[in-house]
């Protein structure tokens, strides 16, 4: 089943999602957040839902989402942080997969010749999907689109994605725990970025 969505409709939906995202971000107080205000947010039952939806949206639209790997551990313990990252990433990856699999348009077709799609056309085992997900700086959104275009088995794709992010998220969360003692969010993020560099080297990734 292939569904074609008019360009005007897609643009309207995208603008609506971006507007909602901006309003949530503005009302959340993150524009002037420090660690104390971030910690208070974890007491709200809606915070994990907002984070999961935000991560899913970022992954679905191939937007940068690495900031979540540094913010979430400031709110929750490593196990909970990894679980939230895995769920959000899994939903986003599934959304990108479904969009590329069942929708049609120039915005999807341009990914047919993307390097990620060409790579997946020859390497689509669980272990390969797991490996490219766990490596930092992978083009996650494009991988989701490529998998959908190629029709890689959905369960294999999503399970490999969630397993890799669960492990990577746990590693990041433990690394960022050292930043909790920082006095400001900017200090915490600087330390978190340093932790990411170490993680890159541990995995032998030069990207």
N, C-alpha and C. Protein backbone atom coordinates (compact mmCIF):
# COMPACT_ATOMS: atom_id res chain seq x y z
N UNK A 1 0.84 -1.19 0.00
CA UNK A 1 0.00 0.00 0.00
C UNK A 1 0.88 1.24 0.00
N UNK A 2 0.79 2.05 -1.03
CA UNK A 2 1.53 3.29 -1.13
C UNK A 2 0.57 4.46 -1.05
N UNK A 3 0.85 5.39 -0.17
CA UNK A 3 -0.01 6.54 0.04
C UNK A 3 0.75 7.79 -0.35
N UNK A 4 0.15 8.60 -1.19
CA UNK A 4 0.77 9.85 -1.60
C UNK A 4 0.12 11.00 -0.87
N UNK A 5 0.91 11.81 -0.19
CA UNK A 5 0.39 12.93 0.56
C UNK A 5 0.74 14.22 -0.17
N UNK A 6 -0.24 15.09 -0.44
CA UNK A 6 0.04 16.35 -1.13
C UNK A 6 1.09 17.17 -0.38
N UNK A 7 1.90 17.88 -1.14
CA UNK A 7 2.97 18.68 -0.55
C UNK A 7 2.43 19.68 0.45
N UNK A 8 1.31 20.32 0.11
CA UNK A 8 0.73 21.32 1.00
C UNK A 8 0.36 20.73 2.35
N UNK A 9 -0.18 19.51 2.33
CA UNK A 9 -0.56 18.86 3.58
C UNK A 9 0.68 18.54 4.41
N UNK A 10 1.73 18.01 3.75
CA UNK A 10 2.95 17.68 4.47
C UNK A 10 3.59 18.91 5.09
N UNK A 11 3.60 20.01 4.35
CA UNK A 11 4.17 21.25 4.88
C UNK A 11 3.37 21.75 6.07
N UNK A 12 2.04 21.69 5.96
CA UNK A 12 1.18 22.15 7.06
C UNK A 12 1.40 21.32 8.32
N UNK A 13 1.46 19.99 8.15
CA UNK A 13 1.68 19.11 9.30
C UNK A 13 3.04 19.38 9.93
N UNK A 14 4.07 19.53 9.08
CA UNK A 14 5.42 19.79 9.59
C UNK A 14 5.47 21.08 10.38
N UNK A 15 4.86 22.14 9.83
CA UNK A 15 4.84 23.44 10.52
C UNK A 15 4.08 23.34 11.84
N UNK A 16 3.00 22.58 11.84
CA UNK A 16 2.22 22.42 13.08
C UNK A 16 3.05 21.71 14.15
N UNK A 17 3.77 20.65 13.75
CA UNK A 17 4.60 19.92 14.70
C UNK A 17 5.72 20.79 15.25
N UNK A 18 6.35 21.57 14.35
CA UNK A 18 7.43 22.46 14.79
C UNK A 18 6.90 23.52 15.75
N UNK A 19 5.71 24.04 15.47
CA UNK A 19 5.11 25.05 16.35
C UNK A 19 4.81 24.48 17.73
N UNK A 20 4.23 23.28 17.74
CA UNK A 20 3.93 22.62 19.01
C UNK A 20 5.21 22.36 19.80
N UNK A 21 6.24 21.88 19.08
CA UNK A 21 7.52 21.63 19.73
C UNK A 21 8.12 22.88 20.33
N UNK A 22 8.03 24.00 19.59
CA UNK A 22 8.57 25.26 20.10
C UNK A 22 7.81 25.71 21.34
N UNK A 23 6.48 25.58 21.33
CA UNK A 23 5.68 25.99 22.47
C UNK A 23 6.00 25.15 23.70
N UNK A 24 6.16 23.85 23.49
CA UNK A 24 6.50 22.97 24.62
C UNK A 24 7.87 23.35 25.18
N UNK A 25 8.83 23.60 24.27
CA UNK A 25 10.17 23.98 24.70
C UNK A 25 10.14 25.30 25.47
N UNK A 26 9.38 26.29 24.95
CA UNK A 26 9.32 27.61 25.57
C UNK A 26 8.66 27.56 26.93
N UNK A 27 7.56 26.80 27.04
CA UNK A 27 6.83 26.70 28.29
C UNK A 27 7.56 25.83 29.32
N UNK A 28 8.47 24.97 28.84
CA UNK A 28 9.16 24.07 29.77
C UNK A 28 10.15 24.79 30.66
N UNK A 29 10.60 25.98 30.23
CA UNK A 29 11.57 26.72 31.02
C UNK A 29 13.00 26.32 30.75
N UNK A 30 13.23 25.46 29.76
CA UNK A 30 14.59 25.02 29.46
C UNK A 30 15.46 26.14 28.92
N UNK A 31 14.85 27.22 28.46
CA UNK A 31 15.64 28.33 27.92
C UNK A 31 16.49 28.98 28.99
N UNK A 32 16.05 28.86 30.27
CA UNK A 32 16.81 29.44 31.36
C UNK A 32 17.00 28.41 32.47
N UNK A 33 17.22 27.18 32.06
CA UNK A 33 17.26 26.10 33.04
C UNK A 33 18.63 25.97 33.69
N UNK A 34 18.63 25.62 34.97
CA UNK A 34 19.83 25.18 35.65
C UNK A 34 19.57 23.77 36.14
N UNK A 35 20.53 23.18 36.79
CA UNK A 35 20.37 21.78 37.19
C UNK A 35 19.25 21.60 38.21
N UNK A 36 19.05 22.59 39.08
CA UNK A 36 17.98 22.46 40.08
C UNK A 36 16.61 22.39 39.42
N UNK A 37 16.38 23.26 38.43
CA UNK A 37 15.09 23.25 37.75
C UNK A 37 14.91 21.98 36.93
N UNK A 38 16.00 21.47 36.37
CA UNK A 38 15.92 20.22 35.62
C UNK A 38 15.57 19.06 36.54
N UNK A 39 16.18 19.05 37.72
CA UNK A 39 15.89 17.98 38.67
C UNK A 39 14.43 18.02 39.12
N UNK A 40 13.89 19.22 39.27
CA UNK A 40 12.49 19.33 39.70
C UNK A 40 11.54 18.79 38.63
N UNK A 41 11.98 18.83 37.37
CA UNK A 41 11.12 18.35 36.28
C UNK A 41 10.91 16.85 36.34
N UNK A 42 11.85 16.12 36.94
CA UNK A 42 11.71 14.67 36.96
C UNK A 42 10.56 14.20 37.85
N UNK A 43 10.06 15.09 38.72
CA UNK A 43 8.95 14.72 39.58
C UNK A 43 7.62 14.74 38.84
N UNK A 44 7.59 15.36 37.68
CA UNK A 44 6.36 15.42 36.90
C UNK A 44 6.18 14.13 36.11
N UNK A 45 4.99 13.53 36.15
CA UNK A 45 4.75 12.29 35.38
C UNK A 45 4.72 12.53 33.87
N UNK A 46 4.61 13.80 33.48
CA UNK A 46 4.54 14.12 32.06
C UNK A 46 5.92 14.29 31.42
N UNK A 47 6.94 14.49 32.25
CA UNK A 47 8.28 14.72 31.71
C UNK A 47 8.78 13.57 30.83
N UNK A 48 8.69 12.31 31.28
CA UNK A 48 9.15 11.22 30.41
C UNK A 48 8.38 11.16 29.10
N UNK A 49 7.07 11.47 29.15
CA UNK A 49 6.26 11.44 27.94
C UNK A 49 6.71 12.52 26.97
N UNK A 50 6.94 13.73 27.49
CA UNK A 50 7.40 14.83 26.64
C UNK A 50 8.75 14.49 26.02
N UNK A 51 9.65 13.89 26.81
CA UNK A 51 10.98 13.54 26.30
C UNK A 51 10.86 12.49 25.21
N UNK A 52 10.06 11.45 25.45
CA UNK A 52 9.90 10.38 24.46
C UNK A 52 9.33 10.92 23.16
N UNK A 53 8.29 11.75 23.26
CA UNK A 53 7.68 12.33 22.07
C UNK A 53 8.67 13.23 21.34
N UNK A 54 9.43 14.02 22.09
CA UNK A 54 10.42 14.90 21.47
C UNK A 54 11.51 14.11 20.76
N UNK A 55 12.01 13.05 21.40
CA UNK A 55 13.02 12.21 20.77
C UNK A 55 12.47 11.53 19.54
N UNK A 56 11.25 11.02 19.64
CA UNK A 56 10.63 10.34 18.50
C UNK A 56 10.49 11.29 17.32
N UNK A 57 10.07 12.52 17.60
CA UNK A 57 9.93 13.50 16.52
C UNK A 57 11.25 13.84 15.88
N UNK A 58 12.29 14.00 16.70
CA UNK A 58 13.61 14.32 16.16
C UNK A 58 14.12 13.19 15.27
N UNK A 59 13.97 11.96 15.73
CA UNK A 59 14.44 10.82 14.94
C UNK A 59 13.61 10.64 13.69
N UNK A 60 12.32 10.84 13.79
CA UNK A 60 11.44 10.65 12.63
C UNK A 60 11.75 11.64 11.52
N UNK A 61 12.13 12.88 11.89
CA UNK A 61 12.41 13.91 10.90
C UNK A 61 13.91 14.10 10.67
N UNK A 62 14.73 13.15 11.14
CA UNK A 62 16.18 13.19 10.94
C UNK A 62 16.79 14.48 11.48
N UNK A 63 16.30 14.93 12.64
CA UNK A 63 16.82 16.12 13.29
C UNK A 63 17.83 15.72 14.37
N UNK A 64 18.75 16.61 14.74
CA UNK A 64 19.73 16.28 15.78
C UNK A 64 19.03 15.95 17.10
N UNK A 65 19.45 14.85 17.71
CA UNK A 65 18.82 14.42 18.96
C UNK A 65 19.85 14.05 20.03
N UNK A 66 21.13 14.30 19.75
CA UNK A 66 22.16 13.89 20.69
C UNK A 66 22.08 14.63 22.02
N UNK A 67 21.45 15.82 22.04
CA UNK A 67 21.33 16.58 23.28
C UNK A 67 20.57 15.80 24.32
N UNK A 68 19.63 14.94 23.89
CA UNK A 68 18.85 14.15 24.85
C UNK A 68 19.73 13.18 25.62
N UNK A 69 20.83 12.72 25.00
CA UNK A 69 21.71 11.78 25.67
C UNK A 69 22.46 12.45 26.82
N UNK A 70 22.47 13.78 26.84
CA UNK A 70 23.14 14.52 27.90
C UNK A 70 22.16 15.10 28.91
N UNK A 71 20.95 15.43 28.46
CA UNK A 71 19.96 16.02 29.35
C UNK A 71 19.26 14.97 30.21
N UNK A 72 18.85 13.87 29.60
CA UNK A 72 18.07 12.86 30.32
C UNK A 72 18.81 12.31 31.54
N UNK A 73 20.13 12.01 31.45
CA UNK A 73 20.82 11.50 32.64
C UNK A 73 20.89 12.51 33.79
N UNK A 74 20.65 13.79 33.50
CA UNK A 74 20.62 14.78 34.57
C UNK A 74 19.31 14.70 35.36
N UNK A 75 18.33 14.01 34.80
CA UNK A 75 17.02 13.89 35.43
C UNK A 75 16.82 12.54 36.11
N UNK A 76 17.36 11.47 35.49
CA UNK A 76 17.06 10.13 35.96
C UNK A 76 18.33 9.31 36.13
N UNK A 77 18.18 8.17 36.82
CA UNK A 77 19.30 7.25 37.00
C UNK A 77 19.64 6.61 35.66
N UNK A 78 20.83 6.00 35.52
CA UNK A 78 21.26 5.46 34.23
C UNK A 78 20.31 4.45 33.61
N UNK A 79 19.73 3.56 34.42
CA UNK A 79 18.83 2.55 33.86
C UNK A 79 17.57 3.20 33.30
N UNK A 80 16.96 4.10 34.07
CA UNK A 80 15.76 4.79 33.60
C UNK A 80 16.07 5.65 32.39
N UNK A 81 17.21 6.34 32.42
CA UNK A 81 17.61 7.19 31.30
C UNK A 81 17.75 6.36 30.02
N UNK A 82 18.43 5.22 30.14
CA UNK A 82 18.64 4.37 28.97
C UNK A 82 17.31 3.86 28.43
N UNK A 83 16.39 3.52 29.33
CA UNK A 83 15.08 3.02 28.89
C UNK A 83 14.31 4.11 28.14
N UNK A 84 14.32 5.34 28.65
CA UNK A 84 13.63 6.45 27.99
C UNK A 84 14.24 6.72 26.62
N UNK A 85 15.57 6.73 26.55
CA UNK A 85 16.25 6.95 25.27
C UNK A 85 15.88 5.87 24.27
N UNK A 86 15.86 4.63 24.73
CA UNK A 86 15.57 3.50 23.85
C UNK A 86 14.14 3.58 23.31
N UNK A 87 13.18 3.91 24.17
CA UNK A 87 11.78 4.00 23.74
C UNK A 87 11.59 5.15 22.75
N UNK A 88 12.14 6.32 23.10
CA UNK A 88 12.00 7.47 22.21
C UNK A 88 12.65 7.24 20.86
N UNK A 89 13.85 6.68 20.88
CA UNK A 89 14.56 6.40 19.63
C UNK A 89 13.84 5.33 18.81
N UNK A 90 13.33 4.31 19.52
CA UNK A 90 12.62 3.24 18.82
C UNK A 90 11.36 3.75 18.13
N UNK A 91 10.59 4.60 18.81
CA UNK A 91 9.38 5.16 18.20
C UNK A 91 9.72 6.06 17.01
N UNK A 92 10.78 6.86 17.16
CA UNK A 92 11.19 7.73 16.07
C UNK A 92 11.68 6.95 14.87
N UNK A 93 12.48 5.91 15.14
CA UNK A 93 12.99 5.07 14.05
C UNK A 93 11.83 4.36 13.34
N UNK A 94 10.87 3.88 14.13
CA UNK A 94 9.70 3.21 13.54
C UNK A 94 8.89 4.16 12.69
N UNK A 95 8.75 5.41 13.16
CA UNK A 95 8.00 6.41 12.39
C UNK A 95 8.68 6.72 11.07
N UNK A 96 10.00 6.89 11.11
CA UNK A 96 10.74 7.14 9.87
C UNK A 96 10.65 5.96 8.92
N UNK A 97 10.72 4.75 9.47
CA UNK A 97 10.62 3.53 8.66
C UNK A 97 9.26 3.46 7.96
N UNK A 98 8.18 3.65 8.74
CA UNK A 98 6.83 3.57 8.18
C UNK A 98 6.60 4.63 7.12
N UNK A 99 7.10 5.86 7.38
CA UNK A 99 6.93 6.94 6.41
C UNK A 99 7.59 6.60 5.09
N UNK A 100 8.82 6.08 5.16
CA UNK A 100 9.54 5.75 3.93
C UNK A 100 8.97 4.51 3.25
N UNK A 101 8.37 3.63 4.05
CA UNK A 101 7.84 2.36 3.50
C UNK A 101 6.52 2.56 2.77
N UNK A 102 5.65 3.41 3.32
CA UNK A 102 4.29 3.48 2.81
C UNK A 102 3.90 4.82 2.19
N UNK A 103 4.71 5.85 2.41
CA UNK A 103 4.40 7.14 1.80
C UNK A 103 5.26 7.35 0.57
N UNK A 104 4.81 8.21 -0.32
CA UNK A 104 5.55 8.48 -1.54
C UNK A 104 5.63 9.98 -1.78
N UNK A 105 6.69 10.38 -2.43
CA UNK A 105 6.90 11.79 -2.74
C UNK A 105 8.37 12.04 -2.99
N UNK A 106 8.69 13.21 -3.51
CA UNK A 106 10.09 13.50 -3.84
C UNK A 106 10.97 13.51 -2.59
N UNK A 107 10.37 13.89 -1.44
CA UNK A 107 11.16 13.96 -0.21
C UNK A 107 11.59 12.58 0.27
N UNK A 108 10.86 11.53 -0.13
CA UNK A 108 11.24 10.16 0.20
C UNK A 108 12.16 9.58 -0.87
N UNK A 109 11.82 9.81 -2.13
CA UNK A 109 12.59 9.21 -3.22
C UNK A 109 14.04 9.67 -3.22
N UNK A 110 14.31 10.87 -2.72
CA UNK A 110 15.69 11.36 -2.74
C UNK A 110 16.59 10.55 -1.82
N UNK A 111 15.99 9.79 -0.89
CA UNK A 111 16.79 8.97 0.01
C UNK A 111 17.10 7.59 -0.58
N UNK A 112 16.52 7.29 -1.75
CA UNK A 112 16.74 5.98 -2.34
C UNK A 112 18.20 5.77 -2.72
N UNK A 113 18.89 6.84 -3.10
CA UNK A 113 20.29 6.75 -3.48
C UNK A 113 21.23 7.29 -2.41
N UNK A 114 20.70 7.48 -1.20
CA UNK A 114 21.54 7.95 -0.10
C UNK A 114 22.54 6.87 0.28
N UNK A 115 23.76 7.25 0.69
CA UNK A 115 24.77 6.25 1.07
C UNK A 115 24.27 5.26 2.12
N UNK A 116 23.46 5.74 3.08
CA UNK A 116 22.94 4.84 4.10
C UNK A 116 22.04 3.77 3.48
N UNK A 117 21.23 4.16 2.50
CA UNK A 117 20.35 3.21 1.83
C UNK A 117 21.15 2.20 1.03
N UNK A 118 22.15 2.68 0.32
CA UNK A 118 22.99 1.76 -0.46
C UNK A 118 23.72 0.77 0.44
N UNK A 119 24.18 1.24 1.59
CA UNK A 119 24.86 0.35 2.52
C UNK A 119 23.90 -0.71 3.05
N UNK A 120 22.69 -0.29 3.44
CA UNK A 120 21.72 -1.22 3.99
C UNK A 120 21.24 -2.23 2.96
N UNK A 121 21.31 -1.88 1.67
CA UNK A 121 20.87 -2.81 0.64
C UNK A 121 21.75 -4.06 0.60
N UNK A 122 22.97 -3.96 1.13
CA UNK A 122 23.90 -5.10 1.14
C UNK A 122 24.18 -5.61 2.55
N UNK A 123 23.83 -4.80 3.57
CA UNK A 123 24.12 -5.19 4.95
C UNK A 123 22.90 -4.85 5.80
N UNK A 124 22.06 -5.83 6.05
CA UNK A 124 20.84 -5.57 6.80
C UNK A 124 20.56 -6.62 7.87
N UNK A 125 21.60 -7.33 8.33
CA UNK A 125 21.41 -8.30 9.39
C UNK A 125 21.20 -7.58 10.73
N UNK A 126 20.73 -8.31 11.71
CA UNK A 126 20.51 -7.72 13.04
C UNK A 126 21.81 -7.15 13.59
N UNK A 127 22.90 -7.92 13.47
CA UNK A 127 24.18 -7.48 14.02
C UNK A 127 24.68 -6.21 13.34
N UNK A 128 24.47 -6.09 12.03
CA UNK A 128 24.91 -4.89 11.32
C UNK A 128 24.07 -3.69 11.73
N UNK A 129 22.75 -3.87 11.80
CA UNK A 129 21.88 -2.77 12.23
C UNK A 129 22.23 -2.34 13.64
N UNK A 130 22.50 -3.31 14.50
CA UNK A 130 22.89 -3.01 15.87
C UNK A 130 24.19 -2.20 15.90
N UNK A 131 25.16 -2.62 15.10
CA UNK A 131 26.46 -1.96 15.11
C UNK A 131 26.38 -0.51 14.64
N UNK A 132 25.64 -0.26 13.55
CA UNK A 132 25.58 1.11 13.04
C UNK A 132 24.75 2.01 13.94
N UNK A 133 23.87 1.44 14.74
CA UNK A 133 23.09 2.24 15.68
C UNK A 133 23.91 2.61 16.92
N UNK A 134 24.78 1.72 17.34
CA UNK A 134 25.50 1.96 18.59
C UNK A 134 26.69 2.89 18.39
N UNK A 135 27.16 3.02 17.15
CA UNK A 135 28.28 3.92 16.87
C UNK A 135 27.80 5.36 16.92
N UNK A 136 28.49 6.23 17.65
CA UNK A 136 28.08 7.65 17.71
C UNK A 136 28.14 8.31 16.34
N UNK A 137 27.32 9.32 16.16
CA UNK A 137 27.30 10.16 14.96
C UNK A 137 26.78 9.43 13.72
N UNK A 138 26.08 8.32 13.90
CA UNK A 138 25.48 7.65 12.75
C UNK A 138 24.30 8.50 12.24
N UNK A 139 24.04 8.50 10.93
CA UNK A 139 22.90 9.26 10.38
C UNK A 139 21.59 8.52 10.65
N UNK A 140 21.12 8.60 11.90
CA UNK A 140 20.01 7.76 12.34
C UNK A 140 18.74 7.93 11.51
N UNK A 141 18.37 9.17 11.21
CA UNK A 141 17.15 9.38 10.43
C UNK A 141 17.24 8.77 9.05
N UNK A 142 18.37 8.94 8.41
CA UNK A 142 18.56 8.40 7.06
C UNK A 142 18.58 6.87 7.07
N UNK A 143 19.10 6.29 8.15
CA UNK A 143 19.09 4.84 8.28
C UNK A 143 17.65 4.34 8.36
N UNK A 144 16.81 5.06 9.10
CA UNK A 144 15.40 4.67 9.21
C UNK A 144 14.70 4.76 7.86
N UNK A 145 14.95 5.84 7.13
CA UNK A 145 14.34 5.99 5.81
C UNK A 145 14.82 4.90 4.86
N UNK A 146 16.12 4.64 4.88
CA UNK A 146 16.67 3.62 4.00
C UNK A 146 16.10 2.25 4.29
N UNK A 147 15.96 1.92 5.59
CA UNK A 147 15.39 0.63 5.96
C UNK A 147 13.95 0.50 5.49
N UNK A 148 13.20 1.59 5.59
CA UNK A 148 11.81 1.56 5.12
C UNK A 148 11.71 1.41 3.62
N UNK A 149 12.54 2.14 2.89
CA UNK A 149 12.53 2.06 1.43
C UNK A 149 12.87 0.65 0.96
N UNK A 150 13.84 0.03 1.63
CA UNK A 150 14.29 -1.30 1.23
C UNK A 150 13.37 -2.41 1.75
N UNK A 151 12.51 -2.08 2.69
CA UNK A 151 11.63 -3.10 3.25
C UNK A 151 12.32 -4.09 4.15
N UNK A 152 13.34 -3.65 4.86
CA UNK A 152 14.00 -4.52 5.83
C UNK A 152 12.97 -4.93 6.88
N UNK A 153 12.95 -6.18 7.32
CA UNK A 153 11.94 -6.63 8.29
C UNK A 153 11.82 -5.67 9.48
N UNK A 154 10.59 -5.24 9.73
CA UNK A 154 10.33 -4.20 10.71
C UNK A 154 10.79 -4.58 12.11
N UNK A 155 10.44 -5.79 12.55
CA UNK A 155 10.79 -6.23 13.91
C UNK A 155 12.30 -6.26 14.08
N UNK A 156 13.00 -6.78 13.09
CA UNK A 156 14.46 -6.83 13.17
C UNK A 156 15.04 -5.43 13.27
N UNK A 157 14.53 -4.52 12.47
CA UNK A 157 15.04 -3.16 12.43
C UNK A 157 14.82 -2.44 13.76
N UNK A 158 13.59 -2.49 14.27
CA UNK A 158 13.27 -1.77 15.50
C UNK A 158 13.96 -2.40 16.71
N UNK A 159 13.99 -3.73 16.78
CA UNK A 159 14.63 -4.39 17.92
C UNK A 159 16.12 -4.12 17.96
N UNK A 160 16.79 -4.11 16.80
CA UNK A 160 18.22 -3.81 16.76
C UNK A 160 18.46 -2.36 17.18
N UNK A 161 17.59 -1.48 16.74
CA UNK A 161 17.72 -0.06 17.10
C UNK A 161 17.57 0.13 18.60
N UNK A 162 16.53 -0.43 19.18
CA UNK A 162 16.27 -0.23 20.61
C UNK A 162 17.34 -0.89 21.48
N UNK A 163 17.82 -2.05 21.06
CA UNK A 163 18.87 -2.73 21.84
C UNK A 163 20.15 -1.91 21.84
N UNK A 164 20.52 -1.37 20.68
CA UNK A 164 21.75 -0.59 20.58
C UNK A 164 21.64 0.70 21.38
N UNK A 165 20.51 1.39 21.27
CA UNK A 165 20.34 2.65 22.00
C UNK A 165 20.25 2.40 23.50
N UNK A 166 19.69 1.28 23.90
CA UNK A 166 19.62 0.94 25.32
C UNK A 166 21.02 0.83 25.91
N UNK A 167 21.91 0.15 25.19
CA UNK A 167 23.28 -0.01 25.68
C UNK A 167 24.05 1.30 25.60
N UNK A 168 23.96 1.97 24.45
CA UNK A 168 24.67 3.24 24.29
C UNK A 168 24.15 4.28 25.28
N UNK A 169 22.82 4.30 25.48
CA UNK A 169 22.25 5.26 26.42
C UNK A 169 22.73 5.01 27.83
N UNK A 170 22.87 3.75 28.20
CA UNK A 170 23.35 3.42 29.55
C UNK A 170 24.79 3.88 29.74
N UNK A 171 25.61 3.69 28.70
CA UNK A 171 27.01 4.13 28.78
C UNK A 171 27.08 5.65 28.90
N UNK A 172 26.32 6.34 28.07
CA UNK A 172 26.30 7.80 28.14
C UNK A 172 25.80 8.27 29.50
N UNK A 173 24.73 7.64 30.00
CA UNK A 173 24.14 8.07 31.26
C UNK A 173 25.14 7.95 32.40
N UNK A 174 25.89 6.86 32.44
CA UNK A 174 26.89 6.70 33.49
C UNK A 174 28.00 7.73 33.36
N UNK A 175 28.37 8.05 32.11
CA UNK A 175 29.41 9.05 31.90
C UNK A 175 28.96 10.43 32.33
N UNK A 176 27.69 10.75 32.07
CA UNK A 176 27.17 12.08 32.38
C UNK A 176 26.89 12.25 33.87
N UNK A 177 26.82 11.14 34.63
CA UNK A 177 26.55 11.24 36.06
C UNK A 177 27.56 12.15 36.76
N UNK A 178 28.77 12.18 36.23
CA UNK A 178 29.79 13.04 36.83
C UNK A 178 29.44 14.51 36.68
N UNK A 179 28.58 14.81 35.71
CA UNK A 179 28.22 16.21 35.47
C UNK A 179 27.15 16.71 36.44
N UNK A 180 26.52 15.83 37.17
CA UNK A 180 25.43 16.23 38.05
C UNK A 180 25.92 17.18 39.14
N UNK A 181 27.18 17.07 39.51
CA UNK A 181 27.71 17.94 40.55
C UNK A 181 28.07 19.31 40.02
N UNK A 182 27.93 19.52 38.71
CA UNK A 182 28.24 20.83 38.14
C UNK A 182 27.23 21.86 38.63
N UNK A 183 27.62 23.11 38.64
CA UNK A 183 26.77 24.17 39.18
C UNK A 183 25.82 24.74 38.16
N UNK A 184 26.01 24.48 36.89
CA UNK A 184 25.12 25.02 35.87
C UNK A 184 24.95 24.02 34.75
N UNK A 185 23.90 24.20 33.96
CA UNK A 185 23.65 23.32 32.84
C UNK A 185 24.78 23.40 31.82
N UNK A 186 25.31 24.59 31.58
CA UNK A 186 26.39 24.75 30.61
C UNK A 186 27.62 23.97 31.05
N UNK A 187 27.93 23.99 32.36
CA UNK A 187 29.08 23.23 32.85
C UNK A 187 28.84 21.74 32.67
N UNK A 188 27.61 21.31 32.94
CA UNK A 188 27.28 19.90 32.80
C UNK A 188 27.42 19.44 31.36
N UNK A 189 26.95 20.28 30.43
CA UNK A 189 27.01 19.90 29.03
C UNK A 189 28.44 19.87 28.52
N UNK A 190 29.28 20.79 29.02
CA UNK A 190 30.68 20.77 28.62
C UNK A 190 31.35 19.48 29.05
N UNK A 191 31.07 19.06 30.27
CA UNK A 191 31.63 17.80 30.76
C UNK A 191 31.05 16.63 30.00
N UNK A 192 29.77 16.70 29.67
CA UNK A 192 29.12 15.62 28.92
C UNK A 192 29.73 15.48 27.54
N UNK A 193 30.03 16.61 26.89
CA UNK A 193 30.66 16.56 25.57
C UNK A 193 32.02 15.89 25.68
N UNK A 194 32.75 16.18 26.76
CA UNK A 194 34.03 15.53 26.97
C UNK A 194 33.88 14.04 27.13
N UNK A 195 32.82 13.64 27.83
CA UNK A 195 32.54 12.20 27.99
C UNK A 195 32.24 11.57 26.64
N UNK A 196 31.57 12.30 25.77
CA UNK A 196 31.23 11.77 24.45
C UNK A 196 32.49 11.53 23.64
N UNK A 197 33.45 12.44 23.75
CA UNK A 197 34.71 12.26 23.02
C UNK A 197 35.41 10.99 23.47
N UNK A 198 35.40 10.77 24.79
CA UNK A 198 36.00 9.54 25.32
C UNK A 198 35.29 8.32 24.78
N UNK A 199 33.96 8.39 24.73
CA UNK A 199 33.16 7.28 24.24
C UNK A 199 33.47 7.00 22.78
N UNK A 200 33.65 8.05 21.98
CA UNK A 200 34.03 7.89 20.58
C UNK A 200 35.33 7.10 20.47
N UNK A 201 36.28 7.49 21.28
CA UNK A 201 37.60 6.84 21.20
C UNK A 201 37.53 5.39 21.65
N UNK A 202 36.68 5.15 22.66
CA UNK A 202 36.55 3.76 23.15
C UNK A 202 35.99 2.85 22.07
N UNK A 203 35.10 3.38 21.23
CA UNK A 203 34.51 2.58 20.15
C UNK A 203 35.33 2.63 18.87
N UNK A 204 36.41 3.41 18.91
CA UNK A 204 37.24 3.50 17.72
C UNK A 204 36.61 4.28 16.61
N UNK A 205 35.69 5.21 16.95
CA UNK A 205 35.00 5.99 15.93
C UNK A 205 35.69 7.32 15.75
N UNK A 206 36.00 7.66 14.51
CA UNK A 206 36.66 8.92 14.22
C UNK A 206 35.71 10.00 13.78
N UNK A 207 34.41 9.64 13.61
CA UNK A 207 33.44 10.61 13.14
C UNK A 207 33.02 11.58 14.23
